[in-house]
Amino acid sequence: MYLFFLTFFLLLLISAIFFTIFEINFVKHFLKIENTKYIVLLRILETMTPFVTLLIASGPRAILKSVFPVFCSLCFLYLIILIIEFFRKKINMKELIVNSVLCIIDVALVTIGLIMIFGF
């Protein structure tokens, strides 16, 4: 049983790394944005979501109820970081818009996934 969960976790991790590399290449080549550290930050925050949820929740039902709010909170934190970096002139308006849209798309995909899986 543990081997199944370990294999499943490793497959999820490998697929997340693959999609992150694909997304970074897409942004670099098609959208002509060189600064991709914020995409990596978004992926790190997405990866942190289950672990943060496990820390603050107790029991399976509490975990399921906490996943979406924790994910939305981390994405809100990400958007705040983007806005602060924009006002510090570390990123331009195009990078702010592209990274914000990517974050909103991720939130929408997680919402659709949770609705499909758990029937919320």
N, C-alpha and C. Protein backbone atom coordinates (compact mmCIF):
# COMPACT_ATOMS: atom_id res chain seq x y z
N MET A 1 0.83 -1.20 0.00
CA MET A 1 0.00 0.00 0.00
C MET A 1 0.86 1.25 0.00
N TYR A 2 1.92 1.22 0.84
CA TYR A 2 2.82 2.38 0.88
C TYR A 2 3.54 2.56 -0.44
N LEU A 3 3.87 1.46 -1.08
CA LEU A 3 4.54 1.52 -2.37
C LEU A 3 3.65 2.19 -3.42
N PHE A 4 2.36 1.90 -3.36
CA PHE A 4 1.40 2.53 -4.27
C PHE A 4 1.39 4.04 -4.09
N PHE A 5 1.28 4.49 -2.82
CA PHE A 5 1.25 5.93 -2.56
C PHE A 5 2.57 6.60 -2.92
N LEU A 6 3.68 5.92 -2.66
CA LEU A 6 4.98 6.47 -3.02
C LEU A 6 5.11 6.59 -4.53
N THR A 7 4.69 5.57 -5.25
CA THR A 7 4.72 5.62 -6.71
C THR A 7 3.81 6.71 -7.25
N PHE A 8 2.61 6.82 -6.68
CA PHE A 8 1.67 7.85 -7.10
C PHE A 8 2.24 9.25 -6.84
N PHE A 9 2.85 9.45 -5.67
CA PHE A 9 3.44 10.73 -5.33
C PHE A 9 4.60 11.07 -6.27
N LEU A 10 5.43 10.08 -6.58
CA LEU A 10 6.55 10.32 -7.50
C LEU A 10 6.06 10.64 -8.90
N LEU A 11 5.02 9.98 -9.36
CA LEU A 11 4.46 10.28 -10.67
C LEU A 11 3.88 11.69 -10.70
N LEU A 12 3.22 12.09 -9.63
CA LEU A 12 2.71 13.46 -9.56
C LEU A 12 3.84 14.48 -9.58
N LEU A 13 4.90 14.18 -8.85
CA LEU A 13 6.04 15.09 -8.80
C LEU A 13 6.72 15.20 -10.16
N ILE A 14 6.90 14.07 -10.83
CA ILE A 14 7.53 14.08 -12.15
C ILE A 14 6.65 14.82 -13.16
N SER A 15 5.35 14.60 -13.11
CA SER A 15 4.46 15.30 -14.04
C SER A 15 4.44 16.80 -13.75
N ALA A 16 4.51 17.20 -12.48
CA ALA A 16 4.55 18.62 -12.14
C ALA A 16 5.82 19.26 -12.66
N ILE A 17 6.93 18.57 -12.54
CA ILE A 17 8.20 19.09 -13.06
C ILE A 17 8.13 19.20 -14.58
N PHE A 18 7.57 18.21 -15.24
CA PHE A 18 7.44 18.24 -16.70
C PHE A 18 6.58 19.42 -17.14
N PHE A 19 5.42 19.60 -16.51
CA PHE A 19 4.55 20.70 -16.90
C PHE A 19 5.15 22.07 -16.57
N THR A 20 5.94 22.15 -15.51
CA THR A 20 6.62 23.41 -15.19
C THR A 20 7.63 23.75 -16.26
N ILE A 21 8.41 22.77 -16.69
CA ILE A 21 9.38 23.00 -17.77
C ILE A 21 8.66 23.41 -19.05
N PHE A 22 7.56 22.74 -19.37
CA PHE A 22 6.78 23.07 -20.55
C PHE A 22 6.24 24.50 -20.46
N GLU A 23 5.71 24.86 -19.31
CA GLU A 23 5.14 26.19 -19.13
C GLU A 23 6.22 27.28 -19.22
N ILE A 24 7.39 27.03 -18.65
CA ILE A 24 8.48 28.01 -18.72
C ILE A 24 8.93 28.18 -20.16
N ASN A 25 9.07 27.09 -20.89
CA ASN A 25 9.46 27.19 -22.31
C ASN A 25 8.41 27.91 -23.13
N PHE A 26 7.15 27.65 -22.85
CA PHE A 26 6.06 28.33 -23.56
C PHE A 26 6.13 29.84 -23.30
N VAL A 27 6.30 30.23 -22.05
CA VAL A 27 6.35 31.64 -21.70
C VAL A 27 7.58 32.31 -22.32
N LYS A 28 8.71 31.63 -22.31
CA LYS A 28 9.94 32.22 -22.86
C LYS A 28 9.85 32.40 -24.37
N HIS A 29 9.34 31.40 -25.08
CA HIS A 29 9.39 31.44 -26.54
C HIS A 29 8.20 32.17 -27.16
N PHE A 30 7.01 31.96 -26.64
CA PHE A 30 5.83 32.55 -27.28
C PHE A 30 5.45 33.91 -26.70
N LEU A 31 5.65 34.11 -25.42
CA LEU A 31 5.27 35.38 -24.80
C LEU A 31 6.45 36.31 -24.62
N LYS A 32 7.65 35.82 -24.95
CA LYS A 32 8.89 36.62 -24.91
C LYS A 32 9.15 37.25 -23.54
N ILE A 33 9.00 36.45 -22.49
CA ILE A 33 9.30 36.89 -21.13
C ILE A 33 10.48 36.08 -20.63
N GLU A 34 11.51 36.77 -20.19
CA GLU A 34 12.74 36.11 -19.75
C GLU A 34 12.73 35.75 -18.27
N ASN A 35 12.02 36.52 -17.46
CA ASN A 35 12.04 36.32 -16.01
C ASN A 35 10.99 35.27 -15.64
N THR A 36 11.43 34.04 -15.41
CA THR A 36 10.49 32.96 -15.11
C THR A 36 10.55 32.50 -13.65
N LYS A 37 11.21 33.26 -12.81
CA LYS A 37 11.31 32.82 -11.42
C LYS A 37 9.96 32.86 -10.71
N TYR A 38 9.03 33.68 -11.19
CA TYR A 38 7.71 33.74 -10.56
C TYR A 38 6.85 32.54 -10.92
N ILE A 39 7.09 31.95 -12.09
CA ILE A 39 6.40 30.71 -12.44
C ILE A 39 6.88 29.58 -11.53
N VAL A 40 8.17 29.54 -11.29
CA VAL A 40 8.72 28.53 -10.38
C VAL A 40 8.17 28.75 -8.97
N LEU A 41 8.06 30.02 -8.55
CA LEU A 41 7.48 30.32 -7.23
C LEU A 41 6.04 29.83 -7.15
N LEU A 42 5.27 30.02 -8.21
CA LEU A 42 3.89 29.54 -8.22
C LEU A 42 3.84 28.03 -8.09
N ARG A 43 4.71 27.33 -8.78
CA ARG A 43 4.75 25.87 -8.67
C ARG A 43 5.15 25.42 -7.27
N ILE A 44 6.07 26.13 -6.64
CA ILE A 44 6.47 25.79 -5.27
C ILE A 44 5.28 25.98 -4.33
N LEU A 45 4.54 27.07 -4.51
CA LEU A 45 3.36 27.30 -3.67
C LEU A 45 2.30 26.23 -3.91
N GLU A 46 2.13 25.81 -5.15
CA GLU A 46 1.18 24.73 -5.43
C GLU A 46 1.62 23.42 -4.79
N THR A 47 2.91 23.16 -4.79
CA THR A 47 3.43 21.94 -4.17
C THR A 47 3.30 21.99 -2.66
N MET A 48 3.39 23.18 -2.08
CA MET A 48 3.26 23.34 -0.63
C MET A 48 1.84 23.13 -0.14
N THR A 49 0.85 23.30 -1.00
CA THR A 49 -0.55 23.25 -0.58
C THR A 49 -0.92 21.99 0.19
N PRO A 50 -0.62 20.77 -0.31
CA PRO A 50 -1.01 19.59 0.47
C PRO A 50 -0.32 19.50 1.82
N PHE A 51 0.95 19.92 1.88
CA PHE A 51 1.68 19.83 3.13
C PHE A 51 1.17 20.82 4.16
N VAL A 52 0.85 22.03 3.72
CA VAL A 52 0.28 23.03 4.63
C VAL A 52 -1.09 22.57 5.10
N THR A 53 -1.86 21.98 4.20
CA THR A 53 -3.19 21.47 4.56
C THR A 53 -3.08 20.36 5.59
N LEU A 54 -2.13 19.48 5.43
CA LEU A 54 -1.95 18.39 6.40
C LEU A 54 -1.55 18.94 7.77
N LEU A 55 -0.81 20.04 7.80
CA LEU A 55 -0.39 20.61 9.07
C LEU A 55 -1.54 21.29 9.82
N ILE A 56 -2.45 21.96 9.10
CA ILE A 56 -3.49 22.73 9.79
C ILE A 56 -4.78 21.95 9.99
N ALA A 57 -4.96 20.84 9.27
CA ALA A 57 -6.21 20.10 9.36
C ALA A 57 -6.01 18.82 10.15
N SER A 58 -7.10 18.38 10.76
CA SER A 58 -7.07 17.10 11.47
C SER A 58 -8.25 16.25 10.99
N GLY A 59 -7.94 15.14 10.40
CA GLY A 59 -8.99 14.26 9.90
C GLY A 59 -9.20 14.43 8.41
N PRO A 60 -9.71 13.39 7.76
CA PRO A 60 -9.88 13.43 6.31
C PRO A 60 -10.86 14.49 5.82
N ARG A 61 -11.97 14.67 6.53
CA ARG A 61 -12.95 15.67 6.10
C ARG A 61 -12.39 17.08 6.23
N ALA A 62 -11.66 17.32 7.29
CA ALA A 62 -11.05 18.65 7.48
C ALA A 62 -9.99 18.91 6.42
N ILE A 63 -9.28 17.87 6.02
CA ILE A 63 -8.27 18.04 4.96
C ILE A 63 -8.95 18.42 3.65
N LEU A 64 -10.03 17.71 3.30
CA LEU A 64 -10.72 18.02 2.05
C LEU A 64 -11.32 19.42 2.08
N LYS A 65 -11.82 19.85 3.23
CA LYS A 65 -12.40 21.18 3.34
C LYS A 65 -11.33 22.26 3.36
N SER A 66 -10.09 21.92 3.68
CA SER A 66 -9.02 22.91 3.80
C SER A 66 -8.17 23.07 2.56
N VAL A 67 -8.23 22.14 1.63
CA VAL A 67 -7.35 22.20 0.46
C VAL A 67 -7.59 23.46 -0.35
N PHE A 68 -8.82 23.71 -0.70
CA PHE A 68 -9.11 24.85 -1.57
C PHE A 68 -8.82 26.19 -0.90
N PRO A 69 -9.22 26.42 0.35
CA PRO A 69 -8.86 27.70 0.99
C PRO A 69 -7.36 27.91 1.14
N VAL A 70 -6.62 26.84 1.45
CA VAL A 70 -5.17 26.97 1.56
C VAL A 70 -4.58 27.31 0.20
N PHE A 71 -5.03 26.64 -0.84
CA PHE A 71 -4.53 26.91 -2.18
C PHE A 71 -4.84 28.34 -2.60
N CYS A 72 -6.06 28.80 -2.35
CA CYS A 72 -6.43 30.17 -2.70
C CYS A 72 -5.62 31.19 -1.89
N SER A 73 -5.35 30.89 -0.63
CA SER A 73 -4.54 31.79 0.19
C SER A 73 -3.12 31.89 -0.34
N LEU A 74 -2.54 30.77 -0.72
CA LEU A 74 -1.18 30.79 -1.28
C LEU A 74 -1.15 31.51 -2.63
N CYS A 75 -2.19 31.36 -3.44
CA CYS A 75 -2.25 32.08 -4.71
C CYS A 75 -2.43 33.58 -4.48
N PHE A 76 -3.21 33.94 -3.47
CA PHE A 76 -3.37 35.35 -3.12
C PHE A 76 -2.03 35.92 -2.66
N LEU A 77 -1.29 35.17 -1.89
CA LEU A 77 0.06 35.58 -1.48
C LEU A 77 0.95 35.77 -2.70
N TYR A 78 0.84 34.87 -3.66
CA TYR A 78 1.61 34.98 -4.90
C TYR A 78 1.27 36.27 -5.65
N LEU A 79 -0.01 36.59 -5.75
CA LEU A 79 -0.42 37.82 -6.43
C LEU A 79 0.09 39.06 -5.70
N ILE A 80 0.09 39.02 -4.38
CA ILE A 80 0.63 40.14 -3.60
C ILE A 80 2.12 40.30 -3.87
N ILE A 81 2.83 39.19 -3.93
CA ILE A 81 4.27 39.25 -4.25
C ILE A 81 4.49 39.85 -5.62
N LEU A 82 3.67 39.46 -6.59
CA LEU A 82 3.80 40.03 -7.94
C LEU A 82 3.56 41.54 -7.94
N ILE A 83 2.55 41.99 -7.22
CA ILE A 83 2.24 43.42 -7.17
C ILE A 83 3.37 44.19 -6.49
N ILE A 84 3.90 43.65 -5.42
CA ILE A 84 5.02 44.31 -4.73
C ILE A 84 6.24 44.40 -5.66
N GLU A 85 6.52 43.31 -6.37
CA GLU A 85 7.65 43.32 -7.29
C GLU A 85 7.42 44.30 -8.44
N PHE A 86 6.18 44.46 -8.86
CA PHE A 86 5.88 45.43 -9.91
C PHE A 86 6.15 46.86 -9.42
N PHE A 87 5.72 47.17 -8.21
CA PHE A 87 5.95 48.51 -7.68
C PHE A 87 7.41 48.76 -7.35
N ARG A 88 8.17 47.72 -7.11
CA ARG A 88 9.62 47.87 -6.91
C ARG A 88 10.37 47.93 -8.23
N LYS A 89 9.64 47.85 -9.35
CA LYS A 89 10.20 47.91 -10.70
C LYS A 89 11.09 46.71 -11.03
N LYS A 90 10.84 45.57 -10.40
CA LYS A 90 11.60 44.36 -10.72
C LYS A 90 10.96 43.58 -11.88
N ILE A 91 9.66 43.79 -12.07
CA ILE A 91 8.99 43.20 -13.23
C ILE A 91 8.20 44.31 -13.92
N ASN A 92 7.94 44.12 -15.22
CA ASN A 92 7.17 45.12 -15.95
C ASN A 92 5.70 44.70 -16.01
N MET A 93 4.90 45.53 -16.66
CA MET A 93 3.45 45.28 -16.71
C MET A 93 3.13 43.98 -17.45
N LYS A 94 3.87 43.69 -18.52
CA LYS A 94 3.60 42.46 -19.28
C LYS A 94 3.85 41.23 -18.42
N GLU A 95 4.93 41.22 -17.67
CA GLU A 95 5.22 40.09 -16.79
C GLU A 95 4.18 39.96 -15.69
N LEU A 96 3.74 41.09 -15.16
CA LEU A 96 2.70 41.08 -14.13
C LEU A 96 1.41 40.47 -14.67
N ILE A 97 1.03 40.88 -15.86
CA ILE A 97 -0.22 40.37 -16.44
C ILE A 97 -0.11 38.88 -16.76
N VAL A 98 0.99 38.47 -17.39
CA VAL A 98 1.15 37.06 -17.77
C VAL A 98 1.18 36.17 -16.52
N ASN A 99 1.95 36.54 -15.52
CA ASN A 99 2.04 35.73 -14.30
C ASN A 99 0.72 35.72 -13.53
N SER A 100 -0.01 36.82 -13.53
CA SER A 100 -1.32 36.85 -12.87
C SER A 100 -2.32 35.96 -13.59
N VAL A 101 -2.30 36.00 -14.92
CA VAL A 101 -3.20 35.15 -15.70
C VAL A 101 -2.88 33.68 -15.47
N LEU A 102 -1.59 33.33 -15.42
CA LEU A 102 -1.21 31.94 -15.14
C LEU A 102 -1.71 31.50 -13.77
N CYS A 103 -1.65 32.38 -12.79
CA CYS A 103 -2.14 32.06 -11.45
C CYS A 103 -3.65 31.86 -11.46
N ILE A 104 -4.37 32.74 -12.15
CA ILE A 104 -5.83 32.64 -12.22
C ILE A 104 -6.24 31.36 -12.95
N ILE A 105 -5.50 31.00 -14.00
CA ILE A 105 -5.78 29.74 -14.71
C ILE A 105 -5.55 28.55 -13.79
N ASP A 106 -4.49 28.59 -12.98
CA ASP A 106 -4.23 27.50 -12.04
C ASP A 106 -5.36 27.37 -11.01
N VAL A 107 -5.84 28.50 -10.50
CA VAL A 107 -6.95 28.46 -9.54
C VAL A 107 -8.20 27.88 -10.21
N ALA A 108 -8.46 28.29 -11.45
CA ALA A 108 -9.63 27.77 -12.16
C ALA A 108 -9.50 26.26 -12.39
N LEU A 109 -8.31 25.79 -12.77
CA LEU A 109 -8.13 24.36 -13.00
C LEU A 109 -8.26 23.55 -11.72
N VAL A 110 -7.74 24.07 -10.61
CA VAL A 110 -7.89 23.38 -9.33
C VAL A 110 -9.36 23.34 -8.92
N THR A 111 -10.07 24.43 -9.14
CA THR A 111 -11.50 24.47 -8.81
C THR A 111 -12.27 23.45 -9.63
N ILE A 112 -12.02 23.41 -10.92
CA ILE A 112 -12.69 22.43 -11.79
C ILE A 112 -12.33 21.00 -11.37
N GLY A 113 -11.06 20.78 -11.04
CA GLY A 113 -10.63 19.45 -10.60
C GLY A 113 -11.32 19.02 -9.32
N LEU A 114 -11.42 19.94 -8.35
CA LEU A 114 -12.09 19.60 -7.09
C LEU A 114 -13.57 19.33 -7.31
N ILE A 115 -14.19 20.08 -8.20
CA ILE A 115 -15.61 19.85 -8.49
C ILE A 115 -15.80 18.49 -9.15
N MET A 116 -14.89 18.16 -10.08
CA MET A 116 -15.03 16.87 -10.76
C MET A 116 -14.74 15.70 -9.84
N ILE A 117 -13.76 15.85 -8.95
CA ILE A 117 -13.38 14.73 -8.09
C ILE A 117 -14.36 14.55 -6.94
N PHE A 118 -14.66 15.63 -6.23
CA PHE A 118 -15.44 15.52 -5.01
C PHE A 118 -16.89 15.95 -5.15
N GLY A 119 -17.27 16.51 -6.28
CA GLY A 119 -18.65 16.90 -6.49
C GLY A 119 -19.12 18.03 -5.57
N PHE A 120 -18.24 19.00 -5.33
CA PHE A 120 -18.60 20.11 -4.43
C PHE A 120 -19.72 20.91 -5.03
